[in-house]
Amino acid sequence: FEDEGARVILTRQTDTSVGMTDRITAALAGGADMLISIHANSIGNTTDPEAVKGVSTYYRHQCFRPLTQAIYSSLLQTGLAPFGNVGGFNFILNAPTDIPNVLVELAFMSNPEDEMRLLDDDFRKEIAGKIVDGVEEWLDECEE
């Protein structure tokens, strides 16, 4: 996003725990225009890790669905399996209505194939670029 001229506010600089409310507060206090929460998904012990894989996006409020769909569509271009675009998702970082927001689950770190892709620096750069592409597509649609 910075390469495209955006100012990025990271709510976590290291692998430390930061409360969800603190993340929202930091984003809003920093003047964020959008909140994108990026995660690597995982499954529980009762599911076959080789069967569950792929990328997904989540929104809570219907008005943010087009943003999540644009990012999801762009991320599918990486060859990740489709896991879905899920609405009405009750996740605290999807709660604000002040700014567009999306939860992006890049892939399943519990799936061996997805995990190997997530460990690859070039692949992580590719998926970051696809998130940017999806946001740009959504912004272009908003202007139309």
C-alpha atoms as a PDB file:
ATOM      1  CA  PHE A   1       0.000   0.000   0.000  1.00  0.00           C
ATOM      2  CA  GLU A   2       2.876   2.359   0.753  1.00  0.00           C
ATOM      3  CA  ASP A   3       4.216   1.805  -2.786  1.00  0.00           C
ATOM      4  CA  GLU A   4       0.834   3.084  -4.007  1.00  0.00           C
ATOM      5  CA  GLY A   5       1.086   6.223  -1.849  1.00  0.00           C
ATOM      6  CA  ALA A   6      -1.000   5.113   1.111  1.00  0.00           C
ATOM      7  CA  ARG A   7      -0.013   5.652   4.721  1.00  0.00           C
ATOM      8  CA  VAL A   8      -0.136   2.345   6.592  1.00  0.00           C
ATOM      9  CA  ILE A   9      -0.841   2.035  10.296  1.00  0.00           C
ATOM     10  CA  LEU A  10       0.286  -1.321  11.658  1.00  0.00           C
ATOM     11  CA  THR A  11      -1.495  -2.249  14.842  1.00  0.00           C
ATOM     12  CA  ARG A  12       1.119  -4.877  15.613  1.00  0.00           C
ATOM     13  CA  GLN A  13       4.820  -4.435  14.851  1.00  0.00           C
ATOM     14  CA  THR A  14       6.027  -7.759  16.295  1.00  0.00           C
ATOM     15  CA  ASP A  15       4.642 -11.152  17.228  1.00  0.00           C
ATOM     16  CA  THR A  16       3.095  -9.879  20.442  1.00  0.00           C
ATOM     17  CA  SER A  17      -0.436  -9.827  21.719  1.00  0.00           C
ATOM     18  CA  VAL A  18      -2.383  -6.619  21.136  1.00  0.00           C
ATOM     19  CA  GLY A  19      -6.020  -6.492  22.199  1.00  0.00           C
ATOM     20  CA  MET A  20      -8.665  -6.215  19.515  1.00  0.00           C
ATOM     21  CA  THR A  21     -10.143  -3.048  21.008  1.00  0.00           C
ATOM     22  CA  ASP A  22      -6.645  -1.540  21.116  1.00  0.00           C
ATOM     23  CA  ARG A  23      -6.222  -2.314  17.408  1.00  0.00           C
ATOM     24  CA  ILE A  24      -9.461  -0.554  16.508  1.00  0.00           C
ATOM     25  CA  THR A  25      -8.538   2.406  18.702  1.00  0.00           C
ATOM     26  CA  ALA A  26      -5.093   2.662  17.071  1.00  0.00           C
ATOM     27  CA  ALA A  27      -6.571   2.534  13.573  1.00  0.00           C
ATOM     28  CA  LEU A  28      -9.221   5.170  14.268  1.00  0.00           C
ATOM     29  CA  ALA A  29      -6.868   7.420  16.274  1.00  0.00           C
ATOM     30  CA  GLY A  30      -4.336   7.173  13.441  1.00  0.00           C
ATOM     31  CA  GLY A  31      -6.900   8.454  10.945  1.00  0.00           C
ATOM     32  CA  ALA A  32      -7.291   5.178   9.066  1.00  0.00           C
ATOM     33  CA  ASP A  33      -9.619   5.200   6.064  1.00  0.00           C
ATOM     34  CA  MET A  34      -9.890   1.414   6.015  1.00  0.00           C
ATOM     35  CA  LEU A  35      -9.205  -1.517   8.345  1.00  0.00           C
ATOM     36  CA  ILE A  36      -7.764  -4.673   6.823  1.00  0.00           C
ATOM     37  CA  SER A  37      -7.095  -7.496   9.260  1.00  0.00           C
ATOM     38  CA  ILE A  38      -4.821 -10.144   7.729  1.00  0.00           C
ATOM     39  CA  HIS A  39      -4.578 -13.611   9.274  1.00  0.00           C
ATOM     40  CA  ALA A  40      -3.480 -17.140   8.470  1.00  0.00           C
ATOM     41  CA  ASN A  41      -6.357 -19.527   9.124  1.00  0.00           C
ATOM     42  CA  SER A  42      -6.256 -22.839  11.012  1.00  0.00           C
ATOM     43  CA  ILE A  43      -8.627 -25.669  11.846  1.00  0.00           C
ATOM     44  CA  GLY A  44      -9.321 -27.661  14.977  1.00  0.00           C
ATOM     45  CA  ASN A  45      -8.178 -31.186  15.718  1.00  0.00           C
ATOM     46  CA  THR A  46     -11.472 -32.746  14.605  1.00  0.00           C
ATOM     47  CA  THR A  47     -11.064 -31.858  10.940  1.00  0.00           C
ATOM     48  CA  ASP A  48      -8.745 -33.323   8.300  1.00  0.00           C
ATOM     49  CA  PRO A  49      -5.999 -30.699   7.772  1.00  0.00           C
ATOM     50  CA  GLU A  50      -5.374 -31.861   4.218  1.00  0.00           C
ATOM     51  CA  ALA A  51      -9.018 -31.404   3.249  1.00  0.00           C
ATOM     52  CA  VAL A  52      -9.472 -27.843   4.512  1.00  0.00           C
ATOM     53  CA  LYS A  53      -7.551 -25.172   2.630  1.00  0.00           C
ATOM     54  CA  GLY A  54      -7.884 -21.935   0.782  1.00  0.00           C
ATOM     55  CA  VAL A  55      -8.456 -18.235   1.051  1.00  0.00           C
ATOM     56  CA  SER A  56     -11.449 -16.405   2.493  1.00  0.00           C
ATOM     57  CA  THR A  57     -12.681 -12.928   3.313  1.00  0.00           C
ATOM     58  CA  TYR A  58     -15.171 -11.889   5.977  1.00  0.00           C
ATOM     59  CA  TYR A  59     -17.426  -8.919   6.614  1.00  0.00           C
ATOM     60  CA  ARG A  60     -19.977  -8.103   9.260  1.00  0.00           C
ATOM     61  CA  HIS A  61     -21.921  -5.291   7.622  1.00  0.00           C
ATOM     62  CA  GLN A  62     -23.481  -5.774   4.190  1.00  0.00           C
ATOM     63  CA  CYS A  63     -22.190  -2.408   2.998  1.00  0.00           C
ATOM     64  CA  PHE A  64     -18.602  -3.749   3.126  1.00  0.00           C
ATOM     65  CA  ARG A  65     -19.357  -6.889   1.107  1.00  0.00           C
ATOM     66  CA  PRO A  66     -18.180  -5.385  -2.216  1.00  0.00           C
ATOM     67  CA  LEU A  67     -14.766  -4.631  -0.671  1.00  0.00           C
ATOM     68  CA  THR A  68     -14.411  -8.184   0.628  1.00  0.00           C
ATOM     69  CA  GLN A  69     -15.538  -9.641  -2.697  1.00  0.00           C
ATOM     70  CA  ALA A  70     -12.986  -7.580  -4.642  1.00  0.00           C
ATOM     71  CA  ILE A  71     -10.138  -8.706  -2.375  1.00  0.00           C
ATOM     72  CA  TYR A  72     -11.355 -12.316  -2.446  1.00  0.00           C
ATOM     73  CA  SER A  73     -11.562 -12.355  -6.234  1.00  0.00           C
ATOM     74  CA  SER A  74      -8.078 -10.907  -6.534  1.00  0.00           C
ATOM     75  CA  LEU A  75      -6.585 -13.399  -4.063  1.00  0.00           C
ATOM     76  CA  LEU A  76      -8.080 -16.333  -5.975  1.00  0.00           C
ATOM     77  CA  GLN A  77      -5.758 -15.361  -8.841  1.00  0.00           C
ATOM     78  CA  THR A  78      -2.866 -16.742  -6.752  1.00  0.00           C
ATOM     79  CA  GLY A  79      -4.163 -20.271  -7.203  1.00  0.00           C
ATOM     80  CA  LEU A  80      -5.291 -20.635  -3.599  1.00  0.00           C
ATOM     81  CA  ALA A  81      -8.403 -22.748  -3.224  1.00  0.00           C
ATOM     82  CA  PRO A  82     -11.653 -20.853  -2.680  1.00  0.00           C
ATOM     83  CA  PHE A  83     -12.864 -21.121   0.907  1.00  0.00           C
ATOM     84  CA  GLY A  84     -15.439 -18.328   0.695  1.00  0.00           C
ATOM     85  CA  ASN A  85     -16.640 -14.784   1.175  1.00  0.00           C
ATOM     86  CA  VAL A  86     -18.548 -14.855   4.453  1.00  0.00           C
ATOM     87  CA  GLY A  87     -20.998 -12.233   5.671  1.00  0.00           C
ATOM     88  CA  GLY A  88     -22.474 -11.387   9.026  1.00  0.00           C
ATOM     89  CA  PHE A  89     -19.208 -12.516  10.594  1.00  0.00           C
ATOM     90  CA  ASN A  90     -19.106 -11.562  14.275  1.00  0.00           C
ATOM     91  CA  PHE A  91     -15.435 -10.565  14.633  1.00  0.00           C
ATOM     92  CA  ILE A  92     -14.581  -7.449  16.609  1.00  0.00           C
ATOM     93  CA  LEU A  93     -12.349  -5.994  13.885  1.00  0.00           C
ATOM     94  CA  ASN A  94     -15.328  -6.226  11.514  1.00  0.00           C
ATOM     95  CA  ALA A  95     -17.533  -4.308  13.942  1.00  0.00           C
ATOM     96  CA  PRO A  96     -16.717  -0.646  13.142  1.00  0.00           C
ATOM     97  CA  THR A  97     -19.065   1.142  10.808  1.00  0.00           C
ATOM     98  CA  ASP A  98     -16.908   4.307  10.701  1.00  0.00           C
ATOM     99  CA  ILE A  99     -14.538   2.850   8.097  1.00  0.00           C
ATOM    100  CA  PRO A 100     -14.673   0.013   5.575  1.00  0.00           C
ATOM    101  CA  ASN A 101     -13.193  -3.156   7.056  1.00  0.00           C
ATOM    102  CA  VAL A 102     -12.390  -6.710   6.070  1.00  0.00           C
ATOM    103  CA  LEU A 103     -10.896  -9.812   7.628  1.00  0.00           C
ATOM    104  CA  VAL A 104      -8.662 -11.657   5.166  1.00  0.00           C
ATOM    105  CA  GLU A 105      -7.749 -15.255   5.956  1.00  0.00           C
ATOM    106  CA  LEU A 106      -4.890 -15.869   3.540  1.00  0.00           C
ATOM    107  CA  ALA A 107      -4.696 -19.649   3.724  1.00  0.00           C
ATOM    108  CA  PHE A 108      -4.753 -22.464   6.273  1.00  0.00           C
ATOM    109  CA  MET A 109      -1.473 -22.862   8.113  1.00  0.00           C
ATOM    110  CA  SER A 110      -2.916 -26.185   9.304  1.00  0.00           C
ATOM    111  CA  ASN A 111      -2.970 -27.440   5.684  1.00  0.00           C
ATOM    112  CA  PRO A 112       0.478 -28.671   4.574  1.00  0.00           C
ATOM    113  CA  GLU A 113       0.168 -27.277   1.019  1.00  0.00           C
ATOM    114  CA  ASP A 114      -1.127 -23.874   2.147  1.00  0.00           C
ATOM    115  CA  GLU A 115       1.493 -23.700   4.891  1.00  0.00           C
ATOM    116  CA  MET A 116       4.342 -24.258   2.423  1.00  0.00           C
ATOM    117  CA  ARG A 117       3.010 -21.435   0.275  1.00  0.00           C
ATOM    118  CA  LEU A 118       2.700 -19.120   3.289  1.00  0.00           C
ATOM    119  CA  LEU A 119       6.324 -19.810   4.224  1.00  0.00           C
ATOM    120  CA  ASP A 120       7.509 -18.578   0.804  1.00  0.00           C
ATOM    121  CA  ASP A 121       8.573 -14.901   0.805  1.00  0.00           C
ATOM    122  CA  ASP A 122       7.686 -14.434  -2.857  1.00  0.00           C
ATOM    123  CA  PHE A 123       4.221 -15.870  -2.322  1.00  0.00           C
ATOM    124  CA  ARG A 124       3.602 -13.561   0.649  1.00  0.00           C
ATOM    125  CA  LYS A 125       4.594 -10.605  -1.555  1.00  0.00           C
ATOM    126  CA  GLU A 126       2.234 -11.870  -4.242  1.00  0.00           C
ATOM    127  CA  ILE A 127      -0.726 -12.128  -1.875  1.00  0.00           C
ATOM    128  CA  ALA A 128       0.043  -8.688  -0.443  1.00  0.00           C
ATOM    129  CA  GLY A 129      -0.050  -7.334  -3.987  1.00  0.00           C
ATOM    130  CA  LYS A 130      -3.357  -9.086  -4.634  1.00  0.00           C
ATOM    131  CA  ILE A 131      -4.877  -7.472  -1.542  1.00  0.00           C
ATOM    132  CA  VAL A 132      -3.767  -4.082  -2.886  1.00  0.00           C
ATOM    133  CA  ASP A 133      -5.216  -4.964  -6.315  1.00  0.00           C
ATOM    134  CA  GLY A 134      -8.541  -5.890  -4.733  1.00  0.00           C
ATOM    135  CA  VAL A 135      -8.732  -2.638  -2.774  1.00  0.00           C
ATOM    136  CA  GLU A 136      -7.865  -0.652  -5.911  1.00  0.00           C
ATOM    137  CA  GLU A 137     -10.572  -2.479  -7.869  1.00  0.00           C
ATOM    138  CA  TRP A 138     -13.112  -1.695  -5.153  1.00  0.00           C
ATOM    139  CA  LEU A 139     -12.072   1.975  -5.060  1.00  0.00           C
ATOM    140  CA  ASP A 140     -12.409   2.188  -8.844  1.00  0.00           C
ATOM    141  CA  GLU A 141     -15.916   0.715  -8.576  1.00  0.00           C
ATOM    142  CA  CYS A 142     -16.775   3.290  -5.909  1.00  0.00           C
ATOM    143  CA  GLU A 143     -15.735   6.121  -8.222  1.00  0.00           C
ATOM    144  CA  GLU A 144     -17.943   4.794 -11.014  1.00  0.00           C
END
